[in-house]
C-alpha cells in the first residue's frame, strides 16, 4: 500500500450485503496492523433487523478470547443497564468501531489500548456496512471513541450524552458513556451516579423505540 494511501477495509466488503457475508469477510481482515495484535476478528452480533444498534470502541480481553462483543464485565453492566431501561438485549445488535483488540502486555495481563485515528478509519467501513444491513431505528454510541468516529471529533459525550445528534444517515443517533468507564469510577458512590446517568440515557432510547 502506498504510504500516502490510508488503510481501509472498504475493498474487502462483499458484494452480498448480509451480516453473515460481512462477518465471513471480516474474519480475514488485514486492513490495518491490529489483525496481528488481536486473537481474532470480533464482529457484531444480534438480529439482522434489530431496532437498536449499540456501538462500542473495540473488543476487550474477554471478547478477544470468545470472539463475541460485550461478553466481559462491561458487557454484563451493559445488559444490566439495558434491562433497567426496558430494552431487551436479545432484540438489539451490538458491535464495535474497531473489530480487533488493541493491547499492551503488563506482566501476564493484556491492557486495553485506545485505537488511533488510522485504525478507526481502516475499520469503519465494516461498521457502516453493519448499519446499512441492520437498518436500526436508533444507533447508540457507547463512549467517546464510538461517538467521535460517527459524529466527528468535536462531539463530547460528557456534554451531549442522552441527546439526539445530527448526522447524514437515516437512523436516529445518540451517545452515552461506555460501560467500562462506569467500572473504572473511583468509588461506589461515583459508580452509582455514573450508572444512573447511563440508565437515564438508555431510557431516552427506550422511549424512542416504543414511540415509533
Protein backbone atom coordinates (compact mmCIF):
# COMPACT_ATOMS: atom_id res chain seq x y z
CA UNK A 1 0.00 0.00 0.00
CA UNK A 2 1.42 3.44 -0.91
CA UNK A 3 2.42 5.42 2.15
CA UNK A 4 0.06 8.23 1.12
CA UNK A 5 -2.90 5.87 0.99
CA UNK A 6 -4.76 5.37 4.24
CA UNK A 7 -5.58 1.76 5.17
CA UNK A 8 -9.22 0.82 4.69
CA UNK A 9 -11.36 -2.29 4.83
CA UNK A 10 -13.59 -0.90 2.06
CA UNK A 11 -12.09 -3.11 -0.70
CA UNK A 12 -12.85 -6.18 1.45
CA UNK A 13 -16.59 -5.57 1.70
CA UNK A 14 -18.51 -8.38 -0.02
CA UNK A 15 -20.92 -7.74 -2.86
CA UNK A 16 -23.58 -9.68 -0.93
CA UNK A 17 -24.53 -7.37 1.93
CA UNK A 18 -25.78 -9.67 4.66
CA UNK A 19 -24.47 -9.96 8.20
CA UNK A 20 -23.21 -13.48 7.53
CA UNK A 21 -21.35 -12.33 4.41
CA UNK A 22 -19.87 -9.35 6.23
CA UNK A 23 -18.84 -11.48 9.20
CA UNK A 24 -17.15 -14.04 6.96
CA UNK A 25 -15.28 -11.34 5.04
CA UNK A 26 -14.22 -9.51 8.21
CA UNK A 27 -12.79 -12.71 9.68
CA UNK A 28 -9.82 -12.37 7.36
CA UNK A 29 -9.46 -8.60 7.55
CA UNK A 30 -5.88 -7.30 7.45
CA UNK A 31 -6.73 -3.71 6.58
CA UNK A 32 -4.61 -2.43 9.48
CA UNK A 33 -1.93 -3.99 11.67
CA UNK A 34 -4.32 -4.87 14.51
CA UNK A 35 -5.05 -8.27 12.98
CA UNK A 36 -1.54 -9.19 14.18
CA UNK A 37 -2.35 -8.00 17.72
CA UNK A 38 -5.78 -9.44 18.40
CA UNK A 39 -6.55 -13.15 18.57
CA UNK A 40 -9.41 -12.88 16.08
CA UNK A 41 -11.86 -10.51 14.46
CA UNK A 42 -14.73 -9.76 16.84
CA UNK A 43 -17.65 -8.85 14.61
CA UNK A 44 -21.05 -7.55 15.70
CA UNK A 45 -23.77 -9.83 16.98
CA UNK A 46 -27.54 -9.67 17.08
CA UNK A 47 -30.68 -9.62 14.98
CA UNK A 48 -30.37 -8.51 11.36
CA UNK A 49 -33.47 -6.35 11.80
CA UNK A 50 -32.67 -5.06 15.28
CA UNK A 51 -34.33 -1.78 16.25
CA UNK A 52 -31.31 -0.54 18.17
CA UNK A 53 -27.59 -0.84 17.43
CA UNK A 54 -25.13 -0.35 20.29
CA UNK A 55 -21.63 0.64 19.18
CA UNK A 56 -18.62 0.44 21.47
CA UNK A 57 -14.94 1.19 20.92
CA UNK A 58 -13.28 -2.20 20.46
CA UNK A 59 -13.37 -5.72 21.91
CA UNK A 60 -11.67 -6.24 25.24
CA UNK A 61 -9.71 -9.19 26.58
CA UNK A 62 -12.76 -11.40 27.19
CA UNK A 63 -14.25 -10.54 23.80
CA UNK A 64 -10.97 -11.25 22.03
CA UNK A 65 -10.85 -14.72 23.53
CA UNK A 66 -14.51 -15.60 22.96
CA UNK A 67 -14.93 -13.85 19.60
CA UNK A 68 -18.13 -12.09 20.69
CA UNK A 69 -18.77 -8.44 21.59
CA UNK A 70 -19.60 -7.28 25.13
CA UNK A 71 -19.24 -10.60 26.94
CA UNK A 72 -16.90 -9.37 29.71
CA UNK A 73 -17.60 -7.21 32.79
CA UNK A 74 -18.56 -4.19 30.65
CA UNK A 75 -20.97 -6.40 28.75
CA UNK A 76 -22.59 -7.59 31.97
CA UNK A 77 -23.06 -3.97 33.04
CA UNK A 78 -24.49 -3.14 29.61
CA UNK A 79 -27.02 -5.97 30.00
CA UNK A 80 -27.99 -4.65 33.41
CA UNK A 81 -28.42 -1.11 32.12
CA UNK A 82 -30.47 -2.22 29.12
CA UNK A 83 -32.78 -4.24 31.36
CA UNK A 84 -33.21 -1.29 33.74
CA UNK A 85 -34.12 0.95 30.81
CA UNK A 86 -36.55 -1.57 29.36
CA UNK A 87 -34.50 -2.60 26.33
CA UNK A 88 -34.17 -6.31 25.56
CA UNK A 89 -30.56 -7.04 24.52
CA UNK A 90 -31.77 -10.02 22.51
CA UNK A 91 -33.63 -7.51 20.35
CA UNK A 92 -30.51 -5.35 19.88
CA UNK A 93 -27.40 -5.52 17.72
CA UNK A 94 -24.09 -4.93 19.50
CA UNK A 95 -20.80 -4.16 17.80
CA UNK A 96 -17.66 -2.04 17.98
CA UNK A 97 -16.00 0.55 15.79
CA UNK A 98 -12.76 -1.47 15.77
CA UNK A 99 -13.01 -5.23 15.40
CA UNK A 100 -9.65 -6.31 16.85
CA UNK A 101 -8.37 -6.00 20.42
CA UNK A 102 -5.53 -3.47 20.77
CA UNK A 103 -3.50 -4.09 23.90
CA UNK A 104 -0.12 -3.96 25.59
CA UNK A 105 1.37 -6.51 27.94
CA UNK A 106 1.59 -5.83 31.68
CA UNK A 107 3.04 -8.99 33.14
CA UNK A 108 0.54 -11.70 32.31
CA UNK A 109 -2.27 -9.18 31.75
CA UNK A 110 -3.30 -7.61 28.47
CA UNK A 111 -4.17 -3.96 28.99
CA UNK A 112 -6.54 -2.14 26.66
CA UNK A 113 -5.00 0.48 24.37
CA UNK A 114 -7.13 3.14 22.70
CA UNK A 115 -7.24 2.73 18.90
CA UNK A 116 -5.84 5.63 16.91
CA UNK A 117 -7.47 7.53 14.04
CA UNK A 118 -5.85 5.39 11.35
CA UNK A 119 -7.03 2.14 12.94
CA UNK A 120 -10.55 3.54 13.41
CA UNK A 121 -10.64 4.77 9.82
CA UNK A 122 -9.45 1.44 8.47
CA UNK A 123 -12.16 -0.47 10.32
CA UNK A 124 -15.04 1.99 9.92
CA UNK A 125 -16.31 0.52 6.61
CA UNK A 126 -17.33 -2.64 8.49
CA UNK A 127 -19.41 -0.59 10.93
CA UNK A 128 -21.07 1.47 8.20
CA UNK A 129 -21.93 -1.76 6.36
CA UNK A 130 -23.46 -3.18 9.55
CA UNK A 131 -25.63 -0.08 9.87
CA UNK A 132 -26.62 -0.38 6.21
CA UNK A 133 -27.66 -4.03 6.60
CA UNK A 134 -29.34 -3.90 10.02
CA UNK A 135 -31.09 -0.57 9.37
CA UNK A 136 -31.76 0.12 13.07
CA UNK A 137 -34.13 2.82 14.20
CA UNK A 138 -31.55 4.05 16.70
CA UNK A 139 -27.77 3.90 16.92
CA UNK A 140 -26.30 4.32 20.42
CA UNK A 141 -22.62 5.24 20.66
CA UNK A 142 -21.06 3.87 23.82
CA UNK A 143 -18.20 6.16 24.79
CA UNK A 144 -16.16 8.88 23.14
CA UNK A 145 -14.34 6.74 20.58
CA UNK A 146 -17.55 5.44 19.02
CA UNK A 147 -19.25 8.82 19.21
CA UNK A 148 -16.38 10.70 17.60
CA UNK A 149 -15.94 8.03 14.93
CA UNK A 150 -19.54 8.55 13.80
CA UNK A 151 -20.28 12.14 14.81
CA UNK A 152 -16.94 13.88 14.44
CA UNK A 153 -14.04 14.68 16.75
CA UNK A 154 -15.75 17.74 18.20
CA UNK A 155 -18.51 15.61 19.76
CA UNK A 156 -18.30 15.48 23.56
CA UNK A 157 -20.10 12.64 25.33
CA UNK A 158 -19.71 14.42 28.66
CA UNK A 159 -21.77 17.35 27.36
CA UNK A 160 -24.03 15.79 24.72
CA UNK A 161 -24.92 12.37 26.16
CA UNK A 162 -28.58 11.41 26.04
CA UNK A 163 -29.30 13.94 23.28
CA UNK A 164 -30.20 13.24 19.67
CA UNK A 165 -27.39 14.28 17.35
CA UNK A 166 -27.34 15.30 13.70
CA UNK A 167 -25.71 13.09 11.10
CA UNK A 168 -26.33 12.31 7.41
CA UNK A 169 -27.83 8.85 7.88
CA UNK A 170 -31.35 7.58 8.48
CA UNK A 171 -31.22 6.07 11.99
CA UNK A 172 -31.50 8.45 14.90
CA UNK A 173 -28.26 8.59 16.84
CA UNK A 174 -27.28 9.38 20.39
CA UNK A 175 -24.40 8.70 22.74
CA UNK A 176 -23.78 7.69 26.32
CA UNK A 177 -20.80 6.57 28.35
CA UNK A 178 -19.09 3.26 27.75
CA UNK A 179 -19.96 0.73 30.48
CA UNK A 180 -16.25 0.21 31.16
CA UNK A 181 -15.95 3.83 32.28
CA UNK A 182 -18.53 3.14 35.00
CA UNK A 183 -16.47 0.19 36.19
CA UNK A 184 -13.41 2.44 36.38
CA UNK A 185 -15.13 5.04 38.58
CA UNK A 186 -13.06 5.73 41.72
CA UNK A 187 -15.57 4.62 44.34
CA UNK A 188 -19.02 3.10 44.87
CA UNK A 189 -20.76 6.47 45.02
CA UNK A 190 -19.22 7.59 41.73
CA UNK A 191 -20.10 4.27 40.09
CA UNK A 192 -23.69 4.54 41.27
CA UNK A 193 -24.02 8.07 39.89
CA UNK A 194 -22.43 7.12 36.57
CA UNK A 195 -24.67 4.08 36.25
CA UNK A 196 -27.80 6.15 36.97
CA UNK A 197 -26.82 8.56 34.20
CA UNK A 198 -26.17 5.64 31.87
CA UNK A 199 -29.63 4.18 32.51
CA UNK A 200 -31.21 7.61 32.06
CA UNK A 201 -29.60 7.92 28.63
CA UNK A 202 -30.76 4.44 27.65
CA UNK A 203 -34.28 5.28 28.86
CA UNK A 204 -34.37 8.07 26.25
CA UNK A 205 -33.59 5.43 23.65
CA UNK A 206 -36.25 3.06 25.01
CA UNK A 207 -38.87 5.80 24.78
CA UNK A 208 -37.97 6.44 21.17
CA UNK A 209 -38.18 2.75 20.31
CA UNK A 210 -41.61 2.35 21.87
CA UNK A 211 -43.00 5.51 20.27
CA UNK A 212 -42.08 4.53 16.71
